[in-house]
Amino acid sequence: MVFASNTIPTDFGLVLAAIAGAGSLLLIALRFVPEAKS
């Protein structure tokens, strides 16, 4: 992450971090939804 922050602009890095965080949360939510329905 240190090297990425030095080579990639901070705004672009923050956007990637936000997308990665939201994507991981969506994957976790999709995993629990079928279990809750059943």
C-alpha atoms as a PDB file:
ATOM      1  CA  MET A   1       0.000   0.000   0.000  1.00  0.00           C
ATOM      2  CA  VAL A   2       2.903   2.355   0.718  1.00  0.00           C
ATOM      3  CA  PHE A   3       4.315   1.972  -2.797  1.00  0.00           C
ATOM      4  CA  ALA A   4       0.844   2.373  -4.323  1.00  0.00           C
ATOM      5  CA  SER A   5       0.247   5.611  -2.409  1.00  0.00           C
ATOM      6  CA  ASN A   6       3.567   6.956  -3.714  1.00  0.00           C
ATOM      7  CA  THR A   7       2.866   6.135  -7.371  1.00  0.00           C
ATOM      8  CA  ILE A   8      -0.945   6.497  -7.556  1.00  0.00           C
ATOM      9  CA  PRO A   9      -2.721   9.814  -6.813  1.00  0.00           C
ATOM     10  CA  THR A  10      -4.458   9.820  -3.434  1.00  0.00           C
ATOM     11  CA  ASP A  11      -7.909  10.468  -4.933  1.00  0.00           C
ATOM     12  CA  PHE A  12      -7.635   7.462  -7.252  1.00  0.00           C
ATOM     13  CA  GLY A  13      -6.410   5.333  -4.346  1.00  0.00           C
ATOM     14  CA  LEU A  14      -9.316   6.433  -2.150  1.00  0.00           C
ATOM     15  CA  VAL A  15     -11.788   5.550  -4.921  1.00  0.00           C
ATOM     16  CA  LEU A  16     -10.257   2.087  -5.315  1.00  0.00           C
ATOM     17  CA  ALA A  17     -10.328   1.584  -1.553  1.00  0.00           C
ATOM     18  CA  ALA A  18     -13.996   2.627  -1.396  1.00  0.00           C
ATOM     19  CA  ILE A  19     -14.939   0.281  -4.269  1.00  0.00           C
ATOM     20  CA  ALA A  20     -13.014  -2.594  -2.700  1.00  0.00           C
ATOM     21  CA  GLY A  21     -14.636  -1.987   0.686  1.00  0.00           C
ATOM     22  CA  ALA A  22     -18.142  -1.740  -0.776  1.00  0.00           C
ATOM     23  CA  GLY A  23     -17.550  -4.836  -2.921  1.00  0.00           C
ATOM     24  CA  SER A  24     -16.407  -6.891   0.059  1.00  0.00           C
ATOM     25  CA  LEU A  25     -19.433  -5.759   2.101  1.00  0.00           C
ATOM     26  CA  LEU A  26     -21.765  -6.693  -0.776  1.00  0.00           C
ATOM     27  CA  LEU A  27     -20.181 -10.149  -1.076  1.00  0.00           C
ATOM     28  CA  ILE A  28     -20.583 -10.730   2.668  1.00  0.00           C
ATOM     29  CA  ALA A  29     -24.218  -9.545   2.540  1.00  0.00           C
ATOM     30  CA  LEU A  30     -25.010 -11.813  -0.431  1.00  0.00           C
ATOM     31  CA  ARG A  31     -23.550 -14.762   1.481  1.00  0.00           C
ATOM     32  CA  PHE A  32     -25.813 -14.199   4.508  1.00  0.00           C
ATOM     33  CA  VAL A  33     -29.051 -13.434   2.603  1.00  0.00           C
ATOM     34  CA  PRO A  34     -29.704 -16.996   1.269  1.00  0.00           C
ATOM     35  CA  GLU A  35     -29.011 -18.424   4.740  1.00  0.00           C
ATOM     36  CA  ALA A  36     -31.499 -16.021   6.322  1.00  0.00           C
ATOM     37  CA  LYS A  37     -34.217 -16.872   3.766  1.00  0.00           C
ATOM     38  CA  SER A  38     -33.794 -20.610   4.222  1.00  0.00           C
END
